[in-house]
Amino acid sequence: MKTTQTTQTTECLVPGPAIALAALLDLPAEAIGSGWELPPLWHWLYFLERAPQSDLGPEGHAKHAIPSPPREGLRRMYAGGRVTSHRPLLLGEEADSTLQVVRSRERNGRSGWMTIVTTRRTIRQRGQLAVTDEVDIIYREPTRLATAIPVEAGLPAADVPGIEIDLDQAYLFRFSALTYNSHRIHYDVDYCRDEEDYPGLVVHGPLQALLMSQEARRAAGVSTGTHFDYRLVAPLTLGQGLVISAAAEHDGAVTAHARDRHGRTTATSHLTSLGAA
């Protein structure tokens, strides 16, 4: 089956997914309903690709999607992205999404040759551009990881500045369900160890980005009209702990980090206001 590299969908942004994410993040949900402004990155709960079960590959991802793997047998890694929130999306109304592959390039990294594919999603509501979202996906050869991942668990995170997130299997499962993510690295620990060289379940890159965005926007005192650039720099597995920190810079921008309880950085981000650009 051949899949086009551009899809267009229209969806009514119902409150249910936003209420569910608020519950996961332990945020108040009483005000979430029609007319509520969706926070930046929460659009990741909508416009989801729901592939037939028969179309899933051995790692749990769809064989024919956007992006599609360059060829069979490659490992898929979420590398980062850029989200510009031009104006808030409103719940209870329809929005139009266009998703397309905009770049594909080869590169030699620590794990060998890889293909980096960039997708861009644009979302419009009431005829106006609301969100531009680019995502970088890495497809790499199934070689062993170049950097060992710490496996110590149960150590205190008090010495790592920031807010500690209490992650467990249920947390990862609920986020996978909310984003319709069936990648086995997030729920099948035997697959993680035996097939992809991870010592435990892998914490979602988008989850780390979402948590960094929440803290960055709180530190900046802004909710919309922002550009958020994030990068996943090292795998994070369950049991390492997760600490999110954000610090305002002199120009009003905010840098946020995701670290494990040892202080090892797993993701970085930079938030700027469109008004300051």
C-alpha atoms as a PDB file:
ATOM      1  CA  MET A   1       0.000   0.000   0.000  1.00  0.00           C
ATOM      2  CA  LYS A   2       1.363   3.367  -1.022  1.00  0.00           C
ATOM      3  CA  THR A   3       0.884   6.322   1.331  1.00  0.00           C
ATOM      4  CA  THR A   4       0.867   9.924   0.195  1.00  0.00           C
ATOM      5  CA  GLN A   5       3.331  12.260   1.876  1.00  0.00           C
ATOM      6  CA  THR A   6       0.634  14.888   2.499  1.00  0.00           C
ATOM      7  CA  THR A   7      -2.651  14.484   4.348  1.00  0.00           C
ATOM      8  CA  GLN A   8      -5.408  16.981   5.116  1.00  0.00           C
ATOM      9  CA  THR A   9      -7.963  16.450   7.867  1.00  0.00           C
ATOM     10  CA  THR A  10     -10.690  18.406   9.593  1.00  0.00           C
ATOM     11  CA  GLU A  11     -11.567  17.620  13.189  1.00  0.00           C
ATOM     12  CA  CYS A  12     -13.787  19.093  15.863  1.00  0.00           C
ATOM     13  CA  LEU A  13     -11.583  19.743  18.908  1.00  0.00           C
ATOM     14  CA  VAL A  14     -13.742  18.121  21.569  1.00  0.00           C
ATOM     15  CA  PRO A  15     -12.878  18.723  25.259  1.00  0.00           C
ATOM     16  CA  GLY A  16     -12.362  15.049  26.193  1.00  0.00           C
ATOM     17  CA  PRO A  17      -8.661  14.637  25.277  1.00  0.00           C
ATOM     18  CA  ALA A  18      -7.725  17.942  26.952  1.00  0.00           C
ATOM     19  CA  ILE A  19      -9.571  16.935  30.120  1.00  0.00           C
ATOM     20  CA  ALA A  20      -7.713  13.611  30.084  1.00  0.00           C
ATOM     21  CA  LEU A  21      -4.304  15.286  29.699  1.00  0.00           C
ATOM     22  CA  ALA A  22      -5.088  17.710  32.517  1.00  0.00           C
ATOM     23  CA  ALA A  23      -5.845  14.697  34.725  1.00  0.00           C
ATOM     24  CA  LEU A  24      -2.513  13.095  33.803  1.00  0.00           C
ATOM     25  CA  LEU A  25      -0.647  16.322  34.634  1.00  0.00           C
ATOM     26  CA  ASP A  26      -2.655  16.855  37.851  1.00  0.00           C
ATOM     27  CA  LEU A  27      -3.988  20.164  36.528  1.00  0.00           C
ATOM     28  CA  PRO A  28      -7.491  21.555  37.210  1.00  0.00           C
ATOM     29  CA  ALA A  29      -9.978  20.610  34.510  1.00  0.00           C
ATOM     30  CA  GLU A  30     -13.213  22.267  35.638  1.00  0.00           C
ATOM     31  CA  ALA A  31     -12.962  25.095  33.091  1.00  0.00           C
ATOM     32  CA  ILE A  32     -12.135  22.858  30.118  1.00  0.00           C
ATOM     33  CA  GLY A  33     -15.017  22.938  27.644  1.00  0.00           C
ATOM     34  CA  SER A  34     -16.204  24.607  24.477  1.00  0.00           C
ATOM     35  CA  GLY A  35     -14.405  27.904  23.924  1.00  0.00           C
ATOM     36  CA  TRP A  36     -11.459  26.951  26.163  1.00  0.00           C
ATOM     37  CA  GLU A  37      -8.052  27.894  24.757  1.00  0.00           C
ATOM     38  CA  LEU A  38      -5.888  24.843  24.166  1.00  0.00           C
ATOM     39  CA  PRO A  39      -2.367  25.355  25.609  1.00  0.00           C
ATOM     40  CA  PRO A  40       0.583  25.089  23.196  1.00  0.00           C
ATOM     41  CA  LEU A  41       1.548  21.514  22.271  1.00  0.00           C
ATOM     42  CA  TRP A  42      -1.783  20.127  23.505  1.00  0.00           C
ATOM     43  CA  HIS A  43      -2.774  19.824  19.850  1.00  0.00           C
ATOM     44  CA  TRP A  44      -0.706  16.620  19.956  1.00  0.00           C
ATOM     45  CA  LEU A  45      -3.854  14.944  21.315  1.00  0.00           C
ATOM     46  CA  TYR A  46      -5.756  15.687  18.112  1.00  0.00           C
ATOM     47  CA  PHE A  47      -5.447  14.825  14.392  1.00  0.00           C
ATOM     48  CA  LEU A  48      -4.043  11.418  15.344  1.00  0.00           C
ATOM     49  CA  GLU A  49      -3.260   8.741  12.767  1.00  0.00           C
ATOM     50  CA  ARG A  50      -5.056   5.529  13.724  1.00  0.00           C
ATOM     51  CA  ALA A  51      -3.596   2.823  11.532  1.00  0.00           C
ATOM     52  CA  PRO A  52      -5.247  -0.614  11.249  1.00  0.00           C
ATOM     53  CA  GLN A  53      -3.688  -3.208  13.521  1.00  0.00           C
ATOM     54  CA  SER A  54      -2.595  -5.173  10.456  1.00  0.00           C
ATOM     55  CA  ASP A  55      -0.509  -2.194   9.281  1.00  0.00           C
ATOM     56  CA  LEU A  56       1.721  -2.065  12.371  1.00  0.00           C
ATOM     57  CA  GLY A  57       5.371  -3.064  12.109  1.00  0.00           C
ATOM     58  CA  PRO A  58       7.215  -5.243  14.672  1.00  0.00           C
ATOM     59  CA  GLU A  59       8.081  -2.187  16.800  1.00  0.00           C
ATOM     60  CA  GLY A  60       4.449  -1.041  16.914  1.00  0.00           C
ATOM     61  CA  HIS A  61       4.582   1.865  14.441  1.00  0.00           C
ATOM     62  CA  ALA A  62       2.509   2.015  11.267  1.00  0.00           C
ATOM     63  CA  LYS A  63       4.319   0.814   8.158  1.00  0.00           C
ATOM     64  CA  HIS A  64       2.486   3.362   6.018  1.00  0.00           C
ATOM     65  CA  ALA A  65       2.120   6.734   7.682  1.00  0.00           C
ATOM     66  CA  ILE A  66       3.657  10.191   7.642  1.00  0.00           C
ATOM     67  CA  PRO A  67       6.519   9.715   7.790  1.00  0.00           C
ATOM     68  CA  SER A  68       6.910   6.183   6.499  1.00  0.00           C
ATOM     69  CA  PRO A  69      10.141   4.323   7.274  1.00  0.00           C
ATOM     70  CA  PRO A  70      12.679   4.603   4.418  1.00  0.00           C
ATOM     71  CA  ARG A  71      12.956   0.813   4.522  1.00  0.00           C
ATOM     72  CA  GLU A  72      12.205  -2.086   6.842  1.00  0.00           C
ATOM     73  CA  GLY A  73      14.360  -3.027   9.824  1.00  0.00           C
ATOM     74  CA  LEU A  74      15.326   0.492  10.984  1.00  0.00           C
ATOM     75  CA  ARG A  75      15.002   1.855  14.522  1.00  0.00           C
ATOM     76  CA  ARG A  76      12.775   4.935  14.922  1.00  0.00           C
ATOM     77  CA  MET A  77      13.764   7.755  17.275  1.00  0.00           C
ATOM     78  CA  TYR A  78      12.025  11.042  18.051  1.00  0.00           C
ATOM     79  CA  ALA A  79      14.731  13.718  17.766  1.00  0.00           C
ATOM     80  CA  GLY A  80      12.964  17.017  18.449  1.00  0.00           C
ATOM     81  CA  GLY A  81      11.084  19.765  16.702  1.00  0.00           C
ATOM     82  CA  ARG A  82       9.804  23.319  16.529  1.00  0.00           C
ATOM     83  CA  VAL A  83       6.307  24.544  17.389  1.00  0.00           C
ATOM     84  CA  THR A  84       5.074  28.047  16.643  1.00  0.00           C
ATOM     85  CA  SER A  85       1.804  28.878  18.428  1.00  0.00           C
ATOM     86  CA  HIS A  86       0.451  31.812  16.442  1.00  0.00           C
ATOM     87  CA  ARG A  87      -2.908  31.972  18.236  1.00  0.00           C
ATOM     88  CA  PRO A  88      -4.801  29.638  20.574  1.00  0.00           C
ATOM     89  CA  LEU A  89      -6.911  26.786  19.277  1.00  0.00           C
ATOM     90  CA  LEU A  90     -10.455  26.845  20.692  1.00  0.00           C
ATOM     91  CA  LEU A  91     -12.198  23.707  21.892  1.00  0.00           C
ATOM     92  CA  GLY A  92     -15.645  22.907  20.560  1.00  0.00           C
ATOM     93  CA  GLU A  93     -14.829  24.128  17.056  1.00  0.00           C
ATOM     94  CA  GLU A  94     -13.494  22.525  13.910  1.00  0.00           C
ATOM     95  CA  ALA A  95      -9.875  22.991  12.833  1.00  0.00           C
ATOM     96  CA  ASP A  96      -8.089  22.025   9.624  1.00  0.00           C
ATOM     97  CA  SER A  97      -4.741  20.208   9.656  1.00  0.00           C
ATOM     98  CA  THR A  98      -2.264  19.656   6.827  1.00  0.00           C
ATOM     99  CA  LEU A  99       0.588  17.225   7.482  1.00  0.00           C
ATOM    100  CA  GLN A 100       3.428  16.733   5.029  1.00  0.00           C
ATOM    101  CA  VAL A 101       7.018  15.553   4.751  1.00  0.00           C
ATOM    102  CA  VAL A 102       9.182  18.611   4.054  1.00  0.00           C
ATOM    103  CA  ARG A 103      12.756  17.277   4.328  1.00  0.00           C
ATOM    104  CA  SER A 104      14.689  14.016   4.278  1.00  0.00           C
ATOM    105  CA  ARG A 105      18.457  13.769   4.579  1.00  0.00           C
ATOM    106  CA  GLU A 106      21.162  11.209   5.310  1.00  0.00           C
ATOM    107  CA  ARG A 107      23.747  11.701   8.028  1.00  0.00           C
ATOM    108  CA  ASN A 108      26.529   9.738   9.716  1.00  0.00           C
ATOM    109  CA  GLY A 109      26.054   9.720  13.508  1.00  0.00           C
ATOM    110  CA  ARG A 110      27.424   7.882  16.527  1.00  0.00           C
ATOM    111  CA  SER A 111      25.235   4.883  15.702  1.00  0.00           C
ATOM    112  CA  GLY A 112      26.136   4.845  12.018  1.00  0.00           C
ATOM    113  CA  TRP A 113      24.229   6.052   8.988  1.00  0.00           C
ATOM    114  CA  MET A 114      20.781   7.443   9.653  1.00  0.00           C
ATOM    115  CA  THR A 115      17.927   9.094   7.813  1.00  0.00           C
ATOM    116  CA  ILE A 116      16.385  12.215   9.340  1.00  0.00           C
ATOM    117  CA  VAL A 117      12.852  12.975   8.173  1.00  0.00           C
ATOM    118  CA  THR A 118      11.099  16.240   9.017  1.00  0.00           C
ATOM    119  CA  THR A 119       7.332  16.617   8.923  1.00  0.00           C
ATOM    120  CA  ARG A 120       5.376  19.848   9.146  1.00  0.00           C
ATOM    121  CA  ARG A 121       1.819  20.159  10.407  1.00  0.00           C
ATOM    122  CA  THR A 122      -0.093  23.405   9.940  1.00  0.00           C
ATOM    123  CA  ILE A 123      -3.384  23.901  11.769  1.00  0.00           C
ATOM    124  CA  ARG A 124      -5.919  26.563  10.852  1.00  0.00           C
ATOM    125  CA  GLN A 125      -9.075  27.551  12.673  1.00  0.00           C
ATOM    126  CA  ARG A 126     -11.635  30.164  11.670  1.00  0.00           C
ATOM    127  CA  GLY A 127      -9.572  30.625   8.520  1.00  0.00           C
ATOM    128  CA  GLN A 128      -6.475  31.751  10.442  1.00  0.00           C
ATOM    129  CA  LEU A 129      -3.137  29.993  10.958  1.00  0.00           C
ATOM    130  CA  ALA A 130      -2.968  28.795  14.571  1.00  0.00           C
ATOM    131  CA  VAL A 131      -0.082  26.298  14.794  1.00  0.00           C
ATOM    132  CA  THR A 132       2.997  25.391  12.757  1.00  0.00           C
ATOM    133  CA  ASP A 133       4.586  22.206  14.075  1.00  0.00           C
ATOM    134  CA  GLU A 134       7.747  20.592  12.678  1.00  0.00           C
ATOM    135  CA  VAL A 135       8.982  17.214  13.967  1.00  0.00           C
ATOM    136  CA  ASP A 136      12.321  15.510  13.272  1.00  0.00           C
ATOM    137  CA  ILE A 137      12.308  11.702  13.201  1.00  0.00           C
ATOM    138  CA  ILE A 138      15.495   9.638  12.992  1.00  0.00           C
ATOM    139  CA  TYR A 139      15.600   6.217  11.368  1.00  0.00           C
ATOM    140  CA  ARG A 140      18.826   4.402  12.209  1.00  0.00           C
ATOM    141  CA  GLU A 141      20.408   1.009  11.712  1.00  0.00           C
ATOM    142  CA  PRO A 142      19.671  -1.534  14.488  1.00  0.00           C
ATOM    143  CA  THR A 143      23.105  -1.205  16.086  1.00  0.00           C
ATOM    144  CA  ARG A 144      23.843  -1.017  19.797  1.00  0.00           C
ATOM    145  CA  LEU A 145      23.528   2.378  21.448  1.00  0.00           C
ATOM    146  CA  ALA A 146      26.768   4.354  21.434  1.00  0.00           C
ATOM    147  CA  THR A 147      26.256   5.696  24.962  1.00  0.00           C
ATOM    148  CA  ALA A 148      25.446   3.548  27.981  1.00  0.00           C
ATOM    149  CA  ILE A 149      22.299   4.515  29.905  1.00  0.00           C
ATOM    150  CA  PRO A 150      22.454   4.539  33.735  1.00  0.00           C
ATOM    151  CA  VAL A 151      20.213   1.921  35.312  1.00  0.00           C
ATOM    152  CA  GLU A 152      20.371   2.968  38.982  1.00  0.00           C
ATOM    153  CA  ALA A 153      16.947   3.569  40.512  1.00  0.00           C
ATOM    154  CA  GLY A 154      15.653   4.878  43.813  1.00  0.00           C
ATOM    155  CA  LEU A 155      18.212   7.666  44.243  1.00  0.00           C
ATOM    156  CA  PRO A 156      17.043  11.089  45.492  1.00  0.00           C
ATOM    157  CA  ALA A 157      16.634  13.918  42.977  1.00  0.00           C
ATOM    158  CA  ALA A 158      16.998  16.680  45.560  1.00  0.00           C
ATOM    159  CA  ASP A 159      20.381  17.783  44.230  1.00  0.00           C
ATOM    160  CA  VAL A 160      19.020  18.339  40.696  1.00  0.00           C
ATOM    161  CA  PRO A 161      17.306  21.754  40.505  1.00  0.00           C
ATOM    162  CA  GLY A 162      13.782  21.876  39.138  1.00  0.00           C
ATOM    163  CA  ILE A 163      10.461  20.074  39.535  1.00  0.00           C
ATOM    164  CA  GLU A 164      10.558  16.293  39.855  1.00  0.00           C
ATOM    165  CA  ILE A 165       7.936  14.402  37.852  1.00  0.00           C
ATOM    166  CA  ASP A 166       6.691  11.210  39.445  1.00  0.00           C
ATOM    167  CA  LEU A 167       6.825   8.824  36.500  1.00  0.00           C
ATOM    168  CA  ASP A 168       5.737   5.193  36.541  1.00  0.00           C
ATOM    169  CA  GLN A 169       4.399   2.620  34.084  1.00  0.00           C
ATOM    170  CA  ALA A 170       0.848   3.922  34.435  1.00  0.00           C
ATOM    171  CA  TYR A 171       2.007   7.456  33.543  1.00  0.00           C
ATOM    172  CA  LEU A 172       3.700   6.255  30.354  1.00  0.00           C
ATOM    173  CA  PHE A 173       0.736   4.040  29.475  1.00  0.00           C
ATOM    174  CA  ARG A 174      -1.755   6.896  29.846  1.00  0.00           C
ATOM    175  CA  PHE A 175       0.345   9.255  27.709  1.00  0.00           C
ATOM    176  CA  SER A 176       0.701   6.573  25.027  1.00  0.00           C
ATOM    177  CA  ALA A 177      -3.080   6.114  25.065  1.00  0.00           C
ATOM    178  CA  LEU A 178      -3.733   9.855  24.802  1.00  0.00           C
ATOM    179  CA  THR A 179      -1.426  10.219  21.786  1.00  0.00           C
ATOM    180  CA  TYR A 180      -2.279   6.837  20.222  1.00  0.00           C
ATOM    181  CA  ASN A 181       1.399   5.888  20.380  1.00  0.00           C
ATOM    182  CA  SER A 182       1.896   2.125  20.034  1.00  0.00           C
ATOM    183  CA  HIS A 183       5.716   2.120  19.905  1.00  0.00           C
ATOM    184  CA  ARG A 184       6.718  -0.889  22.037  1.00  0.00           C
ATOM    185  CA  ILE A 185       9.653   0.925  23.702  1.00  0.00           C
ATOM    186  CA  HIS A 186       7.088   2.660  25.934  1.00  0.00           C
ATOM    187  CA  TYR A 187       5.274  -0.422  27.294  1.00  0.00           C
ATOM    188  CA  ASP A 188       7.168  -3.651  26.460  1.00  0.00           C
ATOM    189  CA  VAL A 189      10.237  -3.880  28.686  1.00  0.00           C
ATOM    190  CA  ASP A 190      11.400  -7.187  27.182  1.00  0.00           C
ATOM    191  CA  TYR A 191      11.352  -5.632  23.712  1.00  0.00           C
ATOM    192  CA  CYS A 192      13.317  -2.644  25.053  1.00  0.00           C
ATOM    193  CA  ARG A 193      16.067  -4.853  26.460  1.00  0.00           C
ATOM    194  CA  ASP A 194      16.172  -7.604  23.851  1.00  0.00           C
ATOM    195  CA  GLU A 195      15.617  -5.648  20.642  1.00  0.00           C
ATOM    196  CA  GLU A 196      16.576  -1.978  21.138  1.00  0.00           C
ATOM    197  CA  ASP A 197      19.291  -2.084  23.813  1.00  0.00           C
ATOM    198  CA  TYR A 198      17.426   0.024  26.402  1.00  0.00           C
ATOM    199  CA  PRO A 199      17.646  -1.043  30.070  1.00  0.00           C
ATOM    200  CA  GLY A 200      13.984  -0.185  30.695  1.00  0.00           C
ATOM    201  CA  LEU A 201      10.875   1.454  29.304  1.00  0.00           C
ATOM    202  CA  VAL A 202      11.658   4.629  27.374  1.00  0.00           C
ATOM    203  CA  VAL A 203      10.056   7.921  28.428  1.00  0.00           C
ATOM    204  CA  HIS A 204       8.379   9.600  25.441  1.00  0.00           C
ATOM    205  CA  GLY A 205      10.235  12.464  23.799  1.00  0.00           C
ATOM    206  CA  PRO A 206       6.968  14.391  23.244  1.00  0.00           C
ATOM    207  CA  LEU A 207       6.133  13.989  26.944  1.00  0.00           C
ATOM    208  CA  GLN A 208       9.444  15.576  27.948  1.00  0.00           C
ATOM    209  CA  ALA A 209       8.845  18.367  25.419  1.00  0.00           C
ATOM    210  CA  LEU A 210       5.338  18.975  26.749  1.00  0.00           C
ATOM    211  CA  LEU A 211       6.563  19.183  30.345  1.00  0.00           C
ATOM    212  CA  MET A 212       9.390  21.549  29.364  1.00  0.00           C
ATOM    213  CA  SER A 213       6.895  23.727  27.497  1.00  0.00           C
ATOM    214  CA  GLN A 214       4.636  23.920  30.561  1.00  0.00           C
ATOM    215  CA  GLU A 215       7.506  25.090  32.776  1.00  0.00           C
ATOM    216  CA  ALA A 216       8.942  27.452  30.162  1.00  0.00           C
ATOM    217  CA  ARG A 217       5.613  29.193  29.641  1.00  0.00           C
ATOM    218  CA  ARG A 218       5.127  29.495  33.394  1.00  0.00           C
ATOM    219  CA  ALA A 219       8.565  31.067  33.746  1.00  0.00           C
ATOM    220  CA  ALA A 220       7.939  33.419  30.813  1.00  0.00           C
ATOM    221  CA  GLY A 221       4.442  34.366  31.916  1.00  0.00           C
ATOM    222  CA  VAL A 222       3.011  33.795  28.420  1.00  0.00           C
ATOM    223  CA  SER A 223       0.536  31.268  27.073  1.00  0.00           C
ATOM    224  CA  THR A 224       0.296  31.904  23.319  1.00  0.00           C
ATOM    225  CA  GLY A 225       2.173  33.763  20.622  1.00  0.00           C
ATOM    226  CA  THR A 226       5.315  31.692  21.207  1.00  0.00           C
ATOM    227  CA  HIS A 227       7.973  29.726  19.347  1.00  0.00           C
ATOM    228  CA  PHE A 228       9.177  26.569  21.111  1.00  0.00           C
ATOM    229  CA  ASP A 229      12.294  24.766  19.883  1.00  0.00           C
ATOM    230  CA  TYR A 230      13.206  21.467  21.574  1.00  0.00           C
ATOM    231  CA  ARG A 231      15.745  18.695  21.122  1.00  0.00           C
ATOM    232  CA  LEU A 232      16.077  15.181  22.578  1.00  0.00           C
ATOM    233  CA  VAL A 233      19.746  14.655  23.370  1.00  0.00           C
ATOM    234  CA  ALA A 234      19.819  11.332  25.275  1.00  0.00           C
ATOM    235  CA  PRO A 235      17.385   8.483  25.984  1.00  0.00           C
ATOM    236  CA  LEU A 236      15.542   8.540  29.323  1.00  0.00           C
ATOM    237  CA  THR A 237      14.306   5.258  30.758  1.00  0.00           C
ATOM    238  CA  LEU A 238      11.853   4.605  33.560  1.00  0.00           C
ATOM    239  CA  GLY A 239      13.591   4.437  36.932  1.00  0.00           C
ATOM    240  CA  GLN A 240      16.099   7.223  36.205  1.00  0.00           C
ATOM    241  CA  GLY A 241      13.732   9.920  37.437  1.00  0.00           C
ATOM    242  CA  LEU A 242      12.750  13.080  35.588  1.00  0.00           C
ATOM    243  CA  VAL A 243      13.388  16.680  36.692  1.00  0.00           C
ATOM    244  CA  ILE A 244      12.150  19.645  34.638  1.00  0.00           C
ATOM    245  CA  SER A 245      13.732  23.082  35.079  1.00  0.00           C
ATOM    246  CA  ALA A 246      13.269  26.433  33.334  1.00  0.00           C
ATOM    247  CA  ALA A 247      15.231  29.694  33.557  1.00  0.00           C
ATOM    248  CA  ALA A 248      14.437  33.076  32.014  1.00  0.00           C
ATOM    249  CA  GLU A 249      17.166  34.764  29.986  1.00  0.00           C
ATOM    250  CA  HIS A 250      17.990  38.464  29.765  1.00  0.00           C
ATOM    251  CA  ASP A 251      16.056  38.903  26.517  1.00  0.00           C
ATOM    252  CA  GLY A 252      12.849  37.397  27.914  1.00  0.00           C
ATOM    253  CA  ALA A 253      13.387  34.008  26.329  1.00  0.00           C
ATOM    254  CA  VAL A 254      13.284  30.886  28.511  1.00  0.00           C
ATOM    255  CA  THR A 255      15.559  27.842  28.373  1.00  0.00           C
ATOM    256  CA  ALA A 256      14.201  24.604  29.828  1.00  0.00           C
ATOM    257  CA  HIS A 257      15.861  21.251  30.467  1.00  0.00           C
ATOM    258  CA  ALA A 258      14.800  17.699  31.200  1.00  0.00           C
ATOM    259  CA  ARG A 259      17.294  15.795  33.367  1.00  0.00           C
ATOM    260  CA  ASP A 260      17.394  12.507  35.193  1.00  0.00           C
ATOM    261  CA  ARG A 261      18.021  12.330  38.929  1.00  0.00           C
ATOM    262  CA  HIS A 262      21.779  12.155  38.287  1.00  0.00           C
ATOM    263  CA  GLY A 263      21.687  15.542  36.558  1.00  0.00           C
ATOM    264  CA  ARG A 264      22.187  13.978  33.104  1.00  0.00           C
ATOM    265  CA  THR A 265      20.449  16.111  30.445  1.00  0.00           C
ATOM    266  CA  THR A 266      18.004  14.211  28.221  1.00  0.00           C
ATOM    267  CA  ALA A 267      16.222  17.115  26.481  1.00  0.00           C
ATOM    268  CA  THR A 268      16.645  20.869  26.020  1.00  0.00           C
ATOM    269  CA  SER A 269      14.335  23.603  24.789  1.00  0.00           C
ATOM    270  CA  HIS A 270      14.130  27.317  24.047  1.00  0.00           C
ATOM    271  CA  LEU A 271      10.950  29.401  24.247  1.00  0.00           C
ATOM    272  CA  THR A 272      10.617  32.856  22.701  1.00  0.00           C
ATOM    273  CA  SER A 273       7.680  35.228  22.397  1.00  0.00           C
ATOM    274  CA  LEU A 274       6.590  36.110  18.868  1.00  0.00           C
ATOM    275  CA  GLY A 275       6.112  39.690  20.009  1.00  0.00           C
ATOM    276  CA  ALA A 276       9.780  39.864  21.019  1.00  0.00           C
ATOM    277  CA  ALA A 277      11.045  38.430  17.743  1.00  0.00           C
END
